[in-house]
Amino acid sequence: ASIESLKPFANVNVSKIPLINENGVKYFLLELEDY
């Protein structure tokens, strides 16, 4: 699904989502407040 949909759907600030680097794999993971 679209990451851009988070702002209008749940008022999540996409630019503040933490970046995770797990064994060289990069991905974003919401904080509990955003969940």
ModelCIF file with pLDDT and N, C-alpha, C, O atoms, coordinates in Angstrom:
data_MODEL
#
_entry.id   MODEL 
#
_entity.id                         1 
_entity.type                       polymer 
_entity.pdbx_number_of_molecules   1 
#
_entity_poly.entity_id                      1 
_entity_poly.type                           'polypeptide(L)' 
_entity_poly.nstd_linkage                   no 
_entity_poly.nstd_monomer                   no 
_entity_poly.pdbx_seq_one_letter_code       ASIESLKPFANVNVSKIPLINENGVKYFLLELEDY 
_entity_poly.pdbx_seq_one_letter_code_can   ASIESLKPFANVNVSKIPLINENGVKYFLLELEDY 
_entity_poly.pdbx_strand_id                 A 
#
loop_
_entity_poly_seq.entity_id 
_entity_poly_seq.num 
_entity_poly_seq.mon_id 
_entity_poly_seq.hetero 
1 1  ALA n 
1 2  SER n 
1 3  ILE n 
1 4  GLU n 
1 5  SER n 
1 6  LEU n 
1 7  LYS n 
1 8  PRO n 
1 9  PHE n 
1 10 ALA n 
1 11 ASN n 
1 12 VAL n 
1 13 ASN n 
1 14 VAL n 
1 15 SER n 
1 16 LYS n 
1 17 ILE n 
1 18 PRO n 
1 19 LEU n 
1 20 ILE n 
1 21 ASN n 
1 22 GLU n 
1 23 ASN n 
1 24 GLY n 
1 25 VAL n 
1 26 LYS n 
1 27 TYR n 
1 28 PHE n 
1 29 LEU n 
1 30 LEU n 
1 31 GLU n 
1 32 LEU n 
1 33 GLU n 
1 34 ASP n 
1 35 TYR n 
#
_struct_asym.id          A 
_struct_asym.entity_id   1 
#
loop_
_ma_qa_metric.id 
_ma_qa_metric.mode 
_ma_qa_metric.name 
_ma_qa_metric.software_group_id 
_ma_qa_metric.type 
1 global pLDDT . pLDDT 
2 local  pLDDT . pLDDT 
#
_ma_qa_metric_global.metric_id      1 
_ma_qa_metric_global.metric_value   96.63 
_ma_qa_metric_global.model_id       1 
_ma_qa_metric_global.ordinal_id     1 
#
loop_
_ma_qa_metric_local.label_asym_id 
_ma_qa_metric_local.label_comp_id 
_ma_qa_metric_local.label_seq_id 
_ma_qa_metric_local.metric_id 
_ma_qa_metric_local.metric_value 
_ma_qa_metric_local.model_id 
_ma_qa_metric_local.ordinal_id 
A ALA 1  2 97.00 1 1  
A SER 2  2 97.00 1 2  
A ILE 3  2 97.00 1 3  
A GLU 4  2 97.00 1 4  
A SER 5  2 95.00 1 5  
A LEU 6  2 96.00 1 6  
A LYS 7  2 96.00 1 7  
A PRO 8  2 95.00 1 8  
A PHE 9  2 94.00 1 9  
A ALA 10 2 95.00 1 10 
A ASN 11 2 96.00 1 11 
A VAL 12 2 97.00 1 12 
A ASN 13 2 96.00 1 13 
A VAL 14 2 95.00 1 14 
A SER 15 2 96.00 1 15 
A LYS 16 2 96.00 1 16 
A ILE 17 2 97.00 1 17 
A PRO 18 2 97.00 1 18 
A LEU 19 2 98.00 1 19 
A ILE 20 2 98.00 1 20 
A ASN 21 2 98.00 1 21 
A GLU 22 2 97.00 1 22 
A ASN 23 2 95.00 1 23 
A GLY 24 2 97.00 1 24 
A VAL 25 2 98.00 1 25 
A LYS 26 2 98.00 1 26 
A TYR 27 2 98.00 1 27 
A PHE 28 2 98.00 1 28 
A LEU 29 2 98.00 1 29 
A LEU 30 2 98.00 1 30 
A GLU 31 2 97.00 1 31 
A LEU 32 2 96.00 1 32 
A GLU 33 2 96.00 1 33 
A ASP 34 2 97.00 1 34 
A TYR 35 2 96.00 1 35 
#
loop_
_atom_site.group_PDB 
_atom_site.id 
_atom_site.type_symbol 
_atom_site.label_atom_id 
_atom_site.label_alt_id 
_atom_site.label_comp_id 
_atom_site.label_asym_id 
_atom_site.label_entity_id 
_atom_site.label_seq_id 
_atom_site.pdbx_PDB_ins_code 
_atom_site.Cartn_x 
_atom_site.Cartn_y 
_atom_site.Cartn_z 
_atom_site.occupancy 
_atom_site.B_iso_or_equiv 
_atom_site.pdbx_formal_charge 
_atom_site.auth_seq_id 
_atom_site.auth_comp_id 
_atom_site.auth_asym_id 
_atom_site.auth_atom_id 
_atom_site.pdbx_PDB_model_num 
ATOM 1   N N  . ALA A 1 1  ? 0.867  -1.173 0.000  1.00 97.00 ? 1  ALA A N  1 
ATOM 2   C CA . ALA A 1 1  ? 0.000  0.000  0.000  1.00 97.00 ? 1  ALA A CA 1 
ATOM 3   C C  . ALA A 1 1  ? 0.908  1.229  0.000  1.00 97.00 ? 1  ALA A C  1 
ATOM 4   O O  . ALA A 1 1  ? 2.130  1.116  0.098  1.00 97.00 ? 1  ALA A O  1 
ATOM 5   N N  . SER A 1 2  ? 0.301  2.375  -0.109 1.00 97.00 ? 2  SER A N  1 
ATOM 6   C CA . SER A 1 2  ? 1.027  3.642  -0.231 1.00 97.00 ? 2  SER A CA 1 
ATOM 7   C C  . SER A 1 2  ? 1.447  4.208  1.118  1.00 97.00 ? 2  SER A C  1 
ATOM 8   O O  . SER A 1 2  ? 0.626  4.351  2.025  1.00 97.00 ? 2  SER A O  1 
ATOM 9   N N  . ILE A 1 3  ? 2.716  4.524  1.243  1.00 97.00 ? 3  ILE A N  1 
ATOM 10  C CA . ILE A 1 3  ? 3.208  5.156  2.470  1.00 97.00 ? 3  ILE A CA 1 
ATOM 11  C C  . ILE A 1 3  ? 2.633  6.569  2.604  1.00 97.00 ? 3  ILE A C  1 
ATOM 12  O O  . ILE A 1 3  ? 2.442  7.059  3.717  1.00 97.00 ? 3  ILE A O  1 
ATOM 13  N N  . GLU A 1 4  ? 2.361  7.217  1.485  1.00 97.00 ? 4  GLU A N  1 
ATOM 14  C CA . GLU A 1 4  ? 1.800  8.573  1.513  1.00 97.00 ? 4  GLU A CA 1 
ATOM 15  C C  . GLU A 1 4  ? 0.385  8.602  2.106  1.00 97.00 ? 4  GLU A C  1 
ATOM 16  O O  . GLU A 1 4  ? -0.081 9.659  2.530  1.00 97.00 ? 4  GLU A O  1 
ATOM 17  N N  . SER A 1 5  ? -0.292 7.467  2.140  1.00 95.00 ? 5  SER A N  1 
ATOM 18  C CA . SER A 1 5  ? -1.656 7.424  2.673  1.00 95.00 ? 5  SER A CA 1 
ATOM 19  C C  . SER A 1 5  ? -1.693 7.557  4.198  1.00 95.00 ? 5  SER A C  1 
ATOM 20  O O  . SER A 1 5  ? -2.759 7.793  4.766  1.00 95.00 ? 5  SER A O  1 
ATOM 21  N N  . LEU A 1 6  ? -0.554 7.410  4.862  1.00 96.00 ? 6  LEU A N  1 
ATOM 22  C CA . LEU A 1 6  ? -0.532 7.472  6.326  1.00 96.00 ? 6  LEU A CA 1 
ATOM 23  C C  . LEU A 1 6  ? -0.944 8.832  6.866  1.00 96.00 ? 6  LEU A C  1 
ATOM 24  O O  . LEU A 1 6  ? -1.640 8.913  7.878  1.00 96.00 ? 6  LEU A O  1 
ATOM 25  N N  . LYS A 1 7  ? -0.521 9.897  6.204  1.00 96.00 ? 7  LYS A N  1 
ATOM 26  C CA . LYS A 1 7  ? -0.837 11.254 6.683  1.00 96.00 ? 7  LYS A CA 1 
ATOM 27  C C  . LYS A 1 7  ? -2.345 11.526 6.619  1.00 96.00 ? 7  LYS A C  1 
ATOM 28  O O  . LYS A 1 7  ? -2.933 11.870 7.644  1.00 96.00 ? 7  LYS A O  1 
ATOM 29  N N  . PRO A 1 8  ? -2.990 11.388 5.460  1.00 95.00 ? 8  PRO A N  1 
ATOM 30  C CA . PRO A 1 8  ? -4.425 11.668 5.428  1.00 95.00 ? 8  PRO A CA 1 
ATOM 31  C C  . PRO A 1 8  ? -5.262 10.648 6.213  1.00 95.00 ? 8  PRO A C  1 
ATOM 32  O O  . PRO A 1 8  ? -6.314 10.998 6.748  1.00 95.00 ? 8  PRO A O  1 
ATOM 33  N N  . PHE A 1 9  ? -4.810 9.411  6.286  1.00 94.00 ? 9  PHE A N  1 
ATOM 34  C CA . PHE A 1 9  ? -5.592 8.370  6.965  1.00 94.00 ? 9  PHE A CA 1 
ATOM 35  C C  . PHE A 1 9  ? -5.507 8.480  8.487  1.00 94.00 ? 9  PHE A C  1 
ATOM 36  O O  . PHE A 1 9  ? -6.525 8.427  9.177  1.00 94.00 ? 9  PHE A O  1 
ATOM 37  N N  . ALA A 1 10 ? -4.275 8.635  9.010  1.00 95.00 ? 10 ALA A N  1 
ATOM 38  C CA . ALA A 1 10 ? -4.099 8.568  10.461 1.00 95.00 ? 10 ALA A CA 1 
ATOM 39  C C  . ALA A 1 10 ? -3.259 9.713  11.028 1.00 95.00 ? 10 ALA A C  1 
ATOM 40  O O  . ALA A 1 10 ? -2.848 9.665  12.188 1.00 95.00 ? 10 ALA A O  1 
ATOM 41  N N  . ASN A 1 11 ? -3.004 10.739 10.218 1.00 96.00 ? 11 ASN A N  1 
ATOM 42  C CA . ASN A 1 11 ? -2.215 11.885 10.633 1.00 96.00 ? 11 ASN A CA 1 
ATOM 43  C C  . ASN A 1 11 ? -0.816 11.489 11.131 1.00 96.00 ? 11 ASN A C  1 
ATOM 44  O O  . ASN A 1 11 ? -0.323 12.019 12.127 1.00 96.00 ? 11 ASN A O  1 
ATOM 45  N N  . VAL A 1 12 ? -0.200 10.558 10.421 1.00 97.00 ? 12 VAL A N  1 
ATOM 46  C CA . VAL A 1 12 ? 1.163  10.126 10.742 1.00 97.00 ? 12 VAL A CA 1 
ATOM 47  C C  . VAL A 1 12 ? 2.128  10.952 9.902  1.00 97.00 ? 12 VAL A C  1 
ATOM 48  O O  . VAL A 1 12 ? 1.989  11.039 8.682  1.00 97.00 ? 12 VAL A O  1 
ATOM 49  N N  . ASN A 1 13 ? 3.100  11.553 10.564 1.00 96.00 ? 13 ASN A N  1 
ATOM 50  C CA . ASN A 1 13 ? 4.117  12.345 9.878  1.00 96.00 ? 13 ASN A CA 1 
ATOM 51  C C  . ASN A 1 13 ? 5.163  11.377 9.303  1.00 96.00 ? 13 ASN A C  1 
ATOM 52  O O  . ASN A 1 13 ? 6.019  10.870 10.029 1.00 96.00 ? 13 ASN A O  1 
ATOM 53  N N  . VAL A 1 14 ? 5.082  11.136 8.020  1.00 95.00 ? 14 VAL A N  1 
ATOM 54  C CA . VAL A 1 14 ? 5.932  10.155 7.348  1.00 95.00 ? 14 VAL A CA 1 
ATOM 55  C C  . VAL A 1 14 ? 7.414  10.509 7.479  1.00 95.00 ? 14 VAL A C  1 
ATOM 56  O O  . VAL A 1 14 ? 8.259  9.618  7.559  1.00 95.00 ? 14 VAL A O  1 
ATOM 57  N N  . SER A 1 15 ? 7.727  11.785 7.501  1.00 96.00 ? 15 SER A N  1 
ATOM 58  C CA . SER A 1 15 ? 9.137  12.195 7.560  1.00 96.00 ? 15 SER A CA 1 
ATOM 59  C C  . SER A 1 15 ? 9.790  11.884 8.915  1.00 96.00 ? 15 SER A C  1 
ATOM 60  O O  . SER A 1 15 ? 11.013 11.950 9.042  1.00 96.00 ? 15 SER A O  1 
ATOM 61  N N  . LYS A 1 16 ? 8.982  11.547 9.920  1.00 96.00 ? 16 LYS A N  1 
ATOM 62  C CA . LYS A 1 16 ? 9.533  11.274 11.257 1.00 96.00 ? 16 LYS A CA 1 
ATOM 63  C C  . LYS A 1 16 ? 9.533  9.790  11.610 1.00 96.00 ? 16 LYS A C  1 
ATOM 64  O O  . LYS A 1 16 ? 9.840  9.426  12.746 1.00 96.00 ? 16 LYS A O  1 
ATOM 65  N N  . ILE A 1 17 ? 9.197  8.941  10.664 1.00 97.00 ? 17 ILE A N  1 
ATOM 66  C CA . ILE A 1 17 ? 9.191  7.497  10.935 1.00 97.00 ? 17 ILE A CA 1 
ATOM 67  C C  . ILE A 1 17 ? 10.636 7.006  11.021 1.00 97.00 ? 17 ILE A C  1 
ATOM 68  O O  . ILE A 1 17 ? 11.437 7.279  10.126 1.00 97.00 ? 17 ILE A O  1 
ATOM 69  N N  . PRO A 1 18 ? 10.970 6.293  12.079 1.00 97.00 ? 18 PRO A N  1 
ATOM 70  C CA . PRO A 1 18 ? 12.352 5.826  12.250 1.00 97.00 ? 18 PRO A CA 1 
ATOM 71  C C  . PRO A 1 18 ? 12.799 4.838  11.169 1.00 97.00 ? 18 PRO A C  1 
ATOM 72  O O  . PRO A 1 18 ? 12.046 3.968  10.733 1.00 97.00 ? 18 PRO A O  1 
ATOM 73  N N  . LEU A 1 19 ? 14.055 5.014  10.760 1.00 98.00 ? 19 LEU A N  1 
ATOM 74  C CA . LEU A 1 19 ? 14.692 4.108  9.809  1.00 98.00 ? 19 LEU A CA 1 
ATOM 75  C C  . LEU A 1 19 ? 15.416 3.027  10.605 1.00 98.00 ? 19 LEU A C  1 
ATOM 76  O O  . LEU A 1 19 ? 16.169 3.321  11.533 1.00 98.00 ? 19 LEU A O  1 
ATOM 77  N N  . ILE A 1 20 ? 15.180 1.789  10.235 1.00 98.00 ? 20 ILE A N  1 
ATOM 78  C CA . ILE A 1 20 ? 15.837 0.644  10.865 1.00 98.00 ? 20 ILE A CA 1 
ATOM 79  C C  . ILE A 1 20 ? 16.846 0.090  9.859  1.00 98.00 ? 20 ILE A C  1 
ATOM 80  O O  . ILE A 1 20 ? 16.564 0.008  8.663  1.00 98.00 ? 20 ILE A O  1 
ATOM 81  N N  . ASN A 1 21 ? 18.010 -0.284 10.350 1.00 98.00 ? 21 ASN A N  1 
ATOM 82  C CA . ASN A 1 21 ? 18.998 -0.968 9.517  1.00 98.00 ? 21 ASN A CA 1 
ATOM 83  C C  . ASN A 1 21 ? 19.302 -2.279 10.221 1.00 98.00 ? 21 ASN A C  1 
ATOM 84  O O  . ASN A 1 21 ? 20.032 -2.311 11.212 1.00 98.00 ? 21 ASN A O  1 
ATOM 85  N N  . GLU A 1 22 ? 18.736 -3.358 9.700  1.00 97.00 ? 22 GLU A N  1 
ATOM 86  C CA . GLU A 1 22 ? 18.879 -4.676 10.309 1.00 97.00 ? 22 GLU A CA 1 
ATOM 87  C C  . GLU A 1 22 ? 19.708 -5.558 9.391  1.00 97.00 ? 22 GLU A C  1 
ATOM 88  O O  . GLU A 1 22 ? 19.240 -6.000 8.341  1.00 97.00 ? 22 GLU A O  1 
ATOM 89  N N  . ASN A 1 23 ? 20.932 -5.804 9.795  1.00 95.00 ? 23 ASN A N  1 
ATOM 90  C CA . ASN A 1 23 ? 21.858 -6.627 8.995  1.00 95.00 ? 23 ASN A CA 1 
ATOM 91  C C  . ASN A 1 23 ? 21.983 -6.104 7.565  1.00 95.00 ? 23 ASN A C  1 
ATOM 92  O O  . ASN A 1 23 ? 22.031 -6.888 6.617  1.00 95.00 ? 23 ASN A O  1 
ATOM 93  N N  . GLY A 1 24 ? 22.036 -4.789 7.411  1.00 97.00 ? 24 GLY A N  1 
ATOM 94  C CA . GLY A 1 24 ? 22.199 -4.185 6.094  1.00 97.00 ? 24 GLY A CA 1 
ATOM 95  C C  . GLY A 1 24 ? 20.915 -3.977 5.321  1.00 97.00 ? 24 GLY A C  1 
ATOM 96  O O  . GLY A 1 24 ? 20.945 -3.421 4.224  1.00 97.00 ? 24 GLY A O  1 
ATOM 97  N N  . VAL A 1 25 ? 19.785 -4.411 5.864  1.00 98.00 ? 25 VAL A N  1 
ATOM 98  C CA . VAL A 1 25 ? 18.484 -4.204 5.221  1.00 98.00 ? 25 VAL A CA 1 
ATOM 99  C C  . VAL A 1 25 ? 17.840 -2.980 5.849  1.00 98.00 ? 25 VAL A C  1 
ATOM 100 O O  . VAL A 1 25 ? 17.676 -2.906 7.067  1.00 98.00 ? 25 VAL A O  1 
ATOM 101 N N  . LYS A 1 26 ? 17.474 -2.016 5.001  1.00 98.00 ? 26 LYS A N  1 
ATOM 102 C CA . LYS A 1 26 ? 16.870 -0.781 5.492  1.00 98.00 ? 26 LYS A CA 1 
ATOM 103 C C  . LYS A 1 26 ? 15.358 -0.828 5.316  1.00 98.00 ? 26 LYS A C  1 
ATOM 104 O O  . LYS A 1 26 ? 14.840 -1.201 4.264  1.00 98.00 ? 26 LYS A O  1 
ATOM 105 N N  . TYR A 1 27 ? 14.662 -0.431 6.394  1.00 98.00 ? 27 TYR A N  1 
ATOM 106 C CA . TYR A 1 27 ? 13.209 -0.314 6.336  1.00 98.00 ? 27 TYR A CA 1 
ATOM 107 C C  . TYR A 1 27 ? 12.748 0.643  7.429  1.00 98.00 ? 27 TYR A C  1 
ATOM 108 O O  . TYR A 1 27 ? 13.479 0.932  8.376  1.00 98.00 ? 27 TYR A O  1 
ATOM 109 N N  . PHE A 1 28 ? 11.536 1.120  7.276  1.00 98.00 ? 28 PHE A N  1 
ATOM 110 C CA . PHE A 1 28 ? 10.938 2.002  8.265  1.00 98.00 ? 28 PHE A CA 1 
ATOM 111 C C  . PHE A 1 28 ? 10.018 1.189  9.173  1.00 98.00 ? 28 PHE A C  1 
ATOM 112 O O  . PHE A 1 28 ? 9.455  0.173  8.768  1.00 98.00 ? 28 PHE A O  1 
ATOM 113 N N  . LEU A 1 29 ? 9.882  1.665  10.413 1.00 98.00 ? 29 LEU A N  1 
ATOM 114 C CA . LEU A 1 29 ? 8.992  1.016  11.377 1.00 98.00 ? 29 LEU A CA 1 
ATOM 115 C C  . LEU A 1 29 ? 8.351  2.105  12.236 1.00 98.00 ? 29 LEU A C  1 
ATOM 116 O O  . LEU A 1 29 ? 9.046  2.911  12.855 1.00 98.00 ? 29 LEU A O  1 
ATOM 117 N N  . LEU A 1 30 ? 7.023  2.119  12.265 1.00 98.00 ? 30 LEU A N  1 
ATOM 118 C CA . LEU A 1 30 ? 6.302  3.119  13.050 1.00 98.00 ? 30 LEU A CA 1 
ATOM 119 C C  . LEU A 1 30 ? 6.626  3.006  14.534 1.00 98.00 ? 30 LEU A C  1 
ATOM 120 O O  . LEU A 1 30 ? 6.893  1.919  15.046 1.00 98.00 ? 30 LEU A O  1 
ATOM 121 N N  . GLU A 1 31 ? 6.596  4.143  15.210 1.00 97.00 ? 31 GLU A N  1 
ATOM 122 C CA . GLU A 1 31 ? 6.671  4.171  16.672 1.00 97.00 ? 31 GLU A CA 1 
ATOM 123 C C  . GLU A 1 31 ? 5.294  3.772  17.208 1.00 97.00 ? 31 GLU A C  1 
ATOM 124 O O  . GLU A 1 31 ? 4.304  3.813  16.478 1.00 97.00 ? 31 GLU A O  1 
ATOM 125 N N  . LEU A 1 32 ? 5.237  3.389  18.479 1.00 96.00 ? 32 LEU A N  1 
ATOM 126 C CA . LEU A 1 32 ? 3.966  2.968  19.073 1.00 96.00 ? 32 LEU A CA 1 
ATOM 127 C C  . LEU A 1 32 ? 2.895  4.053  18.998 1.00 96.00 ? 32 LEU A C  1 
ATOM 128 O O  . LEU A 1 32 ? 1.723  3.752  18.773 1.00 96.00 ? 32 LEU A O  1 
ATOM 129 N N  . GLU A 1 33 ? 3.291  5.317  19.185 1.00 96.00 ? 33 GLU A N  1 
ATOM 130 C CA . GLU A 1 33 ? 2.320  6.411  19.109 1.00 96.00 ? 33 GLU A CA 1 
ATOM 131 C C  . GLU A 1 33 ? 1.649  6.459  17.734 1.00 96.00 ? 33 GLU A C  1 
ATOM 132 O O  . GLU A 1 33 ? 0.453  6.727  17.623 1.00 96.00 ? 33 GLU A O  1 
ATOM 133 N N  . ASP A 1 34 ? 2.444  6.194  16.686 1.00 97.00 ? 34 ASP A N  1 
ATOM 134 C CA . ASP A 1 34 ? 1.874  6.196  15.335 1.00 97.00 ? 34 ASP A CA 1 
ATOM 135 C C  . ASP A 1 34 ? 1.013  4.957  15.094 1.00 97.00 ? 34 ASP A C  1 
ATOM 136 O O  . ASP A 1 34 ? -0.008 5.034  14.410 1.00 97.00 ? 34 ASP A O  1 
ATOM 137 N N  . TYR A 1 35 ? 1.421  3.815  15.654 1.00 96.00 ? 35 TYR A N  1 
ATOM 138 C CA . TYR A 1 35 ? 0.559  2.630  15.555 1.00 96.00 ? 35 TYR A CA 1 
ATOM 139 C C  . TYR A 1 35 ? -0.781 2.889  16.235 1.00 96.00 ? 35 TYR A C  1 
ATOM 140 O O  . TYR A 1 35 ? -1.642 2.010  16.257 1.00 96.00 ? 35 TYR A O  1 
#
